[in-house]
Amino acid sequence: MRLTLGALVVLGGSWSLDLMNLSKCKAQSSLHTVPSNLEMISDTGRIAWGERATLTLRLGLELGENSTGWPVWEDTIPGGLEILSSSKIDTILPQKNDPSQWDMIVVQSWVVTAWDSGYVVIPAIEVVGEKSAPVMIHVVPTRTGDAPEMMPAAEIITIEWTLWERIEKAAPYVLKVLAALLLALGGFYLLRKVKRKERVEIEMAVPDILPHITALEKLRKLEERKGWTKGEAKSFHVNLSEIIRTYIDARFNISSLESTTREVSAQIDLLDISQSDKSNLVSALRLGDKIKFAKHTARTQDHIKVINTCIEFVENTMENPAS
């Protein structure tokens, strides 16, 4: 009878410890209670020594907002986790479960680990006035099997190499060196031959097509297609933005393809062209952003006005072949 009661007490104690551990493992999800456009997410709430967890920081933004003050961590995450690797800062489109007011999401991930047991709390992170909820990860000792048996040190063995064996072992390295020398000589010979050929044919080079010719051809094809009448308004503005940005990059020697509309507007404002051409083009690009990112619905005359604005901009700013 006493043995039975003792067993029940032990089992009851172990069950209570398991319930406590389970409640602690769920602590991470309970910390995410503060509504914010900034969130820190962990792919797991429990790791062993040396195991990995992936932390992801996401910031939801609307058009015109920026992510100034993004955290820069090199060796450790606040809270003491060791950083093994980190991804680049990226901008993605909102997912189904994200708030509807988000137009884009700035995201970065870190792969982390820890070597001390206990609960690690990553404090709230603040970016542009937004705060994330704290994140808790439980670090437990790594379970190991029986301790390995100690073995005596092996004796040192002396090996005598014959001359032929030494030649056999050195042969692959010698052949690699000779092959590298032959490749270098061959490359040098081909390079000199190509340069001589370029000097001979340089006077016969065909002139490049002026950027406005290519731009106008593509713009008129885009206008004839009338994608906005086929439910392709977003695709129409994506192609329109690419065509006009490619033109101004080639015409004015700037880089706008990878820039935001705000950055492109600043570049356009510095160009030596009329103020009306500047303001009309920037208005066309901003309308495209609303349709592409903010799900704005434009009228038919708005699409026609935008394509005509871009064609007039190219015609007003194209390079004069005679000059």
Protein backbone atom coordinates (compact mmCIF):
# COMPACT_ATOMS: atom_id res chain seq x y z
CA MET A 1 0.00 0.00 0.00
CA ARG A 2 2.82 2.41 0.89
CA LEU A 3 4.62 1.59 -2.37
CA THR A 4 1.46 2.32 -4.37
CA LEU A 5 0.94 5.68 -2.66
CA GLY A 6 4.59 6.60 -3.22
CA ALA A 7 4.32 5.78 -6.92
CA LEU A 8 1.18 7.93 -7.25
CA VAL A 9 2.93 10.86 -5.56
CA VAL A 10 5.93 10.57 -7.91
CA LEU A 11 3.70 10.32 -10.98
CA GLY A 12 1.65 13.28 -9.84
CA GLY A 13 4.80 15.37 -9.36
CA SER A 14 6.12 14.48 -12.81
CA TRP A 15 2.77 15.33 -14.40
CA SER A 16 2.74 18.73 -12.69
CA LEU A 17 6.30 19.43 -13.91
CA ASP A 18 5.30 18.47 -17.46
CA LEU A 19 2.31 20.83 -17.30
CA MET A 20 4.58 23.65 -16.04
CA ASN A 21 7.06 23.03 -18.86
CA LEU A 22 4.22 22.95 -21.39
CA SER A 23 2.88 26.29 -20.15
CA LYS A 24 6.40 27.78 -20.37
CA CYS A 25 6.86 26.46 -23.93
CA LYS A 26 3.67 28.28 -24.87
CA ALA A 27 4.99 31.52 -23.36
CA GLN A 28 6.31 32.72 -26.70
CA SER A 29 2.84 32.81 -28.31
CA SER A 30 1.36 34.51 -25.25
CA LEU A 31 3.85 37.33 -25.55
CA HIS A 32 2.44 38.40 -28.94
CA THR A 33 -0.45 40.45 -27.59
CA VAL A 34 0.56 44.01 -28.47
CA PRO A 35 -0.95 45.17 -31.81
CA SER A 36 1.77 46.74 -33.91
CA ASN A 37 2.94 47.05 -37.50
CA LEU A 38 6.27 45.56 -36.32
CA GLU A 39 6.49 41.91 -35.31
CA MET A 40 9.28 39.52 -34.32
CA ILE A 41 8.52 35.85 -35.04
CA SER A 42 10.42 32.66 -34.07
CA ASP A 43 9.91 29.38 -35.90
CA THR A 44 10.19 27.50 -32.59
CA GLY A 45 9.75 28.19 -28.89
CA ARG A 46 12.17 25.49 -27.66
CA ILE A 47 15.70 24.52 -28.71
CA ALA A 48 18.51 22.41 -27.24
CA TRP A 49 22.11 23.54 -26.85
CA GLY A 50 23.53 24.30 -30.27
CA GLU A 51 20.22 23.81 -32.09
CA ARG A 52 18.99 26.54 -34.41
CA ALA A 53 16.01 28.84 -34.39
CA THR A 54 15.05 31.31 -37.11
CA LEU A 55 13.92 34.77 -36.01
CA THR A 56 12.09 36.98 -38.52
CA LEU A 57 11.43 40.72 -38.10
CA ARG A 58 8.57 42.10 -40.26
CA LEU A 59 7.50 45.75 -40.61
CA GLY A 60 4.29 46.61 -42.45
CA LEU A 61 4.42 49.94 -44.32
CA GLU A 62 2.08 52.09 -46.34
CA LEU A 63 3.12 53.97 -49.49
CA GLY A 64 5.48 56.82 -48.68
CA GLU A 65 6.71 55.38 -45.36
CA ASN A 66 10.27 54.16 -44.78
CA SER A 67 12.06 51.81 -42.40
CA THR A 68 14.61 54.22 -40.93
CA GLY A 69 16.23 52.82 -37.78
CA TRP A 70 16.21 49.15 -38.82
CA PRO A 71 18.29 47.15 -36.27
CA VAL A 72 21.84 46.12 -37.18
CA TRP A 73 23.01 43.02 -35.27
CA GLU A 74 26.38 41.39 -35.96
CA ASP A 75 27.20 38.71 -33.36
CA THR A 76 24.26 38.50 -30.95
CA ILE A 77 20.54 39.23 -30.80
CA PRO A 78 19.26 41.35 -27.87
CA GLY A 79 18.60 38.81 -25.14
CA GLY A 80 21.87 36.92 -25.69
CA LEU A 81 21.23 34.54 -28.62
CA GLU A 82 24.25 33.96 -30.88
CA ILE A 83 23.80 34.87 -34.57
CA LEU A 84 24.91 32.12 -36.99
CA SER A 85 23.74 33.81 -40.20
CA SER A 86 21.44 36.60 -41.34
CA SER A 87 19.51 37.37 -44.53
CA LYS A 88 19.52 40.62 -46.44
CA ILE A 89 16.80 43.20 -45.80
CA ASP A 90 14.05 42.55 -48.35
CA THR A 91 10.75 44.16 -49.34
CA ILE A 92 7.81 41.87 -50.14
CA LEU A 93 4.10 42.20 -50.83
CA PRO A 94 1.59 41.60 -47.98
CA GLN A 95 0.21 38.08 -47.50
CA LYS A 96 -3.42 37.03 -47.00
CA ASN A 97 -3.29 37.25 -43.20
CA ASP A 98 -1.55 40.66 -43.10
CA PRO A 99 -3.49 43.87 -42.33
CA SER A 100 -5.22 45.41 -45.36
CA GLN A 101 -3.62 48.83 -44.79
CA TRP A 102 -0.11 47.45 -45.45
CA ASP A 103 1.16 48.18 -48.96
CA MET A 104 4.54 46.47 -48.49
CA ILE A 105 6.52 44.57 -45.85
CA VAL A 106 10.19 45.04 -44.90
CA VAL A 107 11.56 41.69 -43.66
CA GLN A 108 14.85 40.21 -42.40
CA SER A 109 15.71 36.86 -40.76
CA TRP A 110 18.45 35.66 -38.40
CA VAL A 111 19.47 32.06 -37.65
CA VAL A 112 20.44 31.91 -33.95
CA THR A 113 21.49 29.42 -31.29
CA ALA A 114 22.31 29.31 -27.57
CA TRP A 115 24.61 27.36 -25.24
CA ASP A 116 23.09 28.12 -21.81
CA SER A 117 19.95 26.53 -20.38
CA GLY A 118 16.99 28.62 -19.39
CA TYR A 119 14.48 31.04 -20.87
CA VAL A 120 15.82 33.67 -23.30
CA VAL A 121 13.61 36.73 -23.75
CA ILE A 122 14.17 38.91 -26.81
CA PRO A 123 12.95 42.35 -25.71
CA ALA A 124 10.67 44.60 -27.75
CA ILE A 125 12.33 46.01 -30.88
CA GLU A 126 11.47 49.59 -31.91
CA VAL A 127 11.59 50.84 -35.52
CA VAL A 128 10.11 54.19 -36.70
CA GLY A 129 7.91 54.40 -33.61
CA GLU A 130 6.56 50.85 -33.90
CA LYS A 131 7.33 48.24 -31.20
CA SER A 132 7.32 44.47 -31.55
CA ALA A 133 6.15 42.14 -28.80
CA PRO A 134 8.86 40.33 -26.78
CA VAL A 135 9.70 36.76 -27.84
CA MET A 136 10.62 33.95 -25.41
CA ILE A 137 12.63 30.84 -26.34
CA HIS A 138 13.26 27.94 -23.93
CA VAL A 139 16.82 26.54 -24.15
CA VAL A 140 17.25 23.01 -22.73
CA PRO A 141 20.40 20.85 -22.28
CA THR A 142 21.27 18.53 -25.15
CA ARG A 143 20.54 14.93 -24.29
CA THR A 144 23.50 12.59 -24.82
CA GLY A 145 23.87 8.83 -24.58
CA ASP A 146 26.46 6.88 -22.62
CA ALA A 147 29.84 8.58 -22.21
CA PRO A 148 32.33 7.37 -24.86
CA GLU A 149 34.99 4.97 -23.69
CA MET A 150 38.48 6.44 -23.48
CA MET A 151 40.95 4.73 -25.81
CA PRO A 152 44.74 4.68 -25.40
CA ALA A 153 46.79 6.83 -27.78
CA ALA A 154 47.91 5.02 -30.92
CA GLU A 155 51.57 4.52 -31.58
CA ILE A 156 53.34 6.78 -34.08
CA ILE A 157 54.04 4.97 -37.34
CA THR A 158 57.03 6.03 -39.43
CA ILE A 159 56.59 5.70 -43.20
CA GLU A 160 59.47 5.67 -45.64
CA TRP A 161 58.57 6.86 -49.14
CA THR A 162 60.51 5.61 -52.17
CA LEU A 163 61.56 8.02 -54.93
CA TRP A 164 58.94 6.62 -57.30
CA GLU A 165 56.19 7.00 -54.68
CA ARG A 166 57.19 10.61 -54.13
CA ILE A 167 57.02 11.24 -57.90
CA GLU A 168 53.58 9.60 -58.07
CA LYS A 169 52.27 11.79 -55.25
CA ALA A 170 53.73 14.98 -56.72
CA ALA A 171 52.62 14.26 -60.30
CA PRO A 172 48.99 15.50 -59.96
CA TYR A 173 50.14 18.84 -58.53
CA VAL A 174 52.80 19.27 -61.22
CA LEU A 175 50.24 18.51 -63.94
CA LYS A 176 47.79 21.03 -62.45
CA VAL A 177 50.47 23.74 -62.46
CA LEU A 178 51.37 22.97 -66.08
CA ALA A 179 47.69 23.00 -67.10
CA ALA A 180 47.19 26.38 -65.38
CA LEU A 181 50.22 27.82 -67.22
CA LEU A 182 48.91 26.54 -70.56
CA LEU A 183 45.46 28.02 -69.90
CA ALA A 184 47.01 31.36 -68.95
CA LEU A 185 49.14 31.44 -72.12
CA GLY A 186 46.12 30.46 -74.25
CA GLY A 187 43.99 33.16 -72.68
CA PHE A 188 46.69 35.77 -73.21
CA TYR A 189 47.00 34.79 -76.86
CA LEU A 190 43.22 34.93 -77.45
CA LEU A 191 42.98 38.29 -75.67
CA ARG A 192 45.65 39.83 -77.90
CA LYS A 193 43.95 38.37 -80.98
CA VAL A 194 40.55 39.78 -79.99
CA LYS A 195 42.02 43.24 -79.28
CA ARG A 196 43.71 43.31 -82.70
CA LYS A 197 40.41 42.36 -84.32
CA GLU A 198 38.56 45.08 -82.41
CA ARG A 199 41.06 47.72 -83.56
CA VAL A 200 40.51 46.66 -87.19
CA GLU A 201 36.71 46.63 -86.99
CA ILE A 202 36.20 49.67 -84.77
CA GLU A 203 35.60 51.94 -87.79
CA MET A 204 32.97 49.53 -89.12
CA ALA A 205 30.93 49.45 -85.89
CA VAL A 206 27.20 49.92 -86.32
CA PRO A 207 25.89 52.94 -84.34
CA ASP A 208 23.57 52.19 -81.40
CA ILE A 209 19.85 52.83 -81.75
CA LEU A 210 18.92 56.08 -80.02
CA PRO A 211 16.91 55.45 -76.81
CA HIS A 212 13.90 57.53 -77.86
CA ILE A 213 13.35 55.36 -80.97
CA THR A 214 13.08 52.20 -78.88
CA ALA A 215 10.96 53.93 -76.22
CA LEU A 216 8.44 55.39 -78.68
CA GLU A 217 8.08 52.06 -80.49
CA LYS A 218 7.33 50.23 -77.25
CA LEU A 219 4.99 52.96 -75.95
CA ARG A 220 2.90 52.95 -79.13
CA LYS A 221 2.62 49.13 -79.05
CA LEU A 222 1.52 49.39 -75.41
CA GLU A 223 -1.04 52.06 -76.38
CA GLU A 224 -2.44 49.92 -79.20
CA ARG A 225 -2.89 46.92 -76.90
CA LYS A 226 -5.09 48.92 -74.46
CA GLY A 227 -4.47 46.50 -71.60
CA TRP A 228 -6.68 48.49 -69.20
CA THR A 229 -9.74 47.41 -71.24
CA LYS A 230 -8.80 43.73 -70.75
CA GLY A 231 -8.43 43.74 -66.97
CA GLU A 232 -4.65 44.23 -67.26
CA ALA A 233 -4.36 47.71 -65.74
CA LYS A 234 -1.66 46.67 -63.27
CA SER A 235 0.42 44.92 -65.96
CA PHE A 236 -0.03 47.96 -68.23
CA HIS A 237 1.42 50.34 -65.63
CA VAL A 238 4.28 47.95 -64.76
CA ASN A 239 5.34 47.86 -68.44
CA LEU A 240 4.82 51.61 -68.83
CA SER A 241 7.04 52.39 -65.81
CA GLU A 242 9.77 50.05 -67.08
CA ILE A 243 9.77 51.61 -70.58
CA ILE A 244 9.92 55.23 -69.41
CA ARG A 245 12.53 54.51 -66.69
CA THR A 246 14.73 52.67 -69.22
CA TYR A 247 14.46 55.67 -71.53
CA ILE A 248 15.42 58.31 -68.96
CA ASP A 249 18.31 56.11 -67.73
CA ALA A 250 19.74 55.89 -71.26
CA ARG A 251 18.89 59.48 -72.23
CA PHE A 252 20.11 61.27 -69.10
CA ASN A 253 22.65 58.73 -67.78
CA ILE A 254 20.93 58.08 -64.42
CA SER A 255 19.81 54.90 -62.62
CA SER A 256 16.08 54.69 -61.87
CA LEU A 257 14.97 51.10 -62.56
CA GLU A 258 15.70 49.93 -59.00
CA SER A 259 14.59 53.18 -57.32
CA THR A 260 11.28 54.10 -55.71
CA THR A 261 9.02 56.69 -57.30
CA ARG A 262 10.04 59.20 -54.64
CA GLU A 263 13.74 58.67 -55.46
CA VAL A 264 13.05 58.88 -59.21
CA SER A 265 11.11 62.13 -58.68
CA ALA A 266 14.16 63.65 -57.01
CA GLN A 267 16.34 62.58 -59.94
CA ILE A 268 13.88 63.92 -62.52
CA ASP A 269 13.73 67.26 -60.70
CA LEU A 270 17.47 67.72 -61.38
CA LEU A 271 17.17 67.15 -65.17
CA ASP A 272 17.64 70.04 -67.57
CA ILE A 273 14.10 69.88 -69.03
CA SER A 274 10.92 71.92 -68.73
CA GLN A 275 9.06 71.97 -65.43
CA SER A 276 5.81 70.84 -67.08
CA ASP A 277 7.52 67.70 -68.48
CA LYS A 278 8.90 66.95 -65.02
CA SER A 279 5.57 67.33 -63.17
CA ASN A 280 3.55 65.43 -65.81
CA LEU A 281 5.91 62.44 -65.78
CA VAL A 282 6.04 62.27 -61.96
CA SER A 283 2.20 62.38 -61.82
CA ALA A 284 2.04 59.49 -64.30
CA LEU A 285 4.47 57.39 -62.23
CA ARG A 286 2.56 58.09 -59.01
CA LEU A 287 -0.74 57.00 -60.57
CA GLY A 288 0.97 53.77 -61.61
CA ASP A 289 2.11 53.20 -58.01
CA LYS A 290 -1.44 53.62 -56.72
CA ILE A 291 -2.71 51.04 -59.21
CA LYS A 292 0.16 48.59 -58.63
CA PHE A 293 0.43 48.75 -54.84
CA ALA A 294 -2.70 50.42 -53.43
CA LYS A 295 -5.27 48.61 -55.66
CA HIS A 296 -6.51 51.95 -57.01
CA THR A 297 -9.05 51.80 -59.85
CA ALA A 298 -8.48 54.42 -62.55
CA ARG A 299 -10.80 55.62 -65.27
CA THR A 300 -10.24 54.89 -68.96
CA GLN A 301 -9.32 58.51 -69.65
CA ASP A 302 -6.72 58.33 -66.85
CA HIS A 303 -4.92 55.43 -68.56
CA ILE A 304 -5.06 57.22 -71.93
CA LYS A 305 -3.74 60.43 -70.37
CA VAL A 306 -0.82 58.58 -68.74
CA ILE A 307 0.34 56.87 -71.95
CA ASN A 308 0.03 60.15 -73.88
CA THR A 309 2.02 61.95 -71.16
CA CYS A 310 4.87 59.43 -71.49
CA ILE A 311 4.90 59.67 -75.30
CA GLU A 312 4.97 63.50 -75.15
CA PHE A 313 7.76 63.37 -72.55
CA VAL A 314 9.93 61.24 -74.86
CA GLU A 315 9.18 63.46 -77.88
CA ASN A 316 9.96 66.64 -75.92
CA THR A 317 13.22 65.36 -74.41
CA MET A 318 14.62 63.06 -77.13
CA GLU A 319 18.18 63.56 -78.30
CA ASN A 320 18.68 65.44 -81.53
CA PRO A 321 20.66 63.16 -83.91
CA ALA A 322 22.22 66.19 -85.61
CA SER A 323 23.82 67.28 -82.31
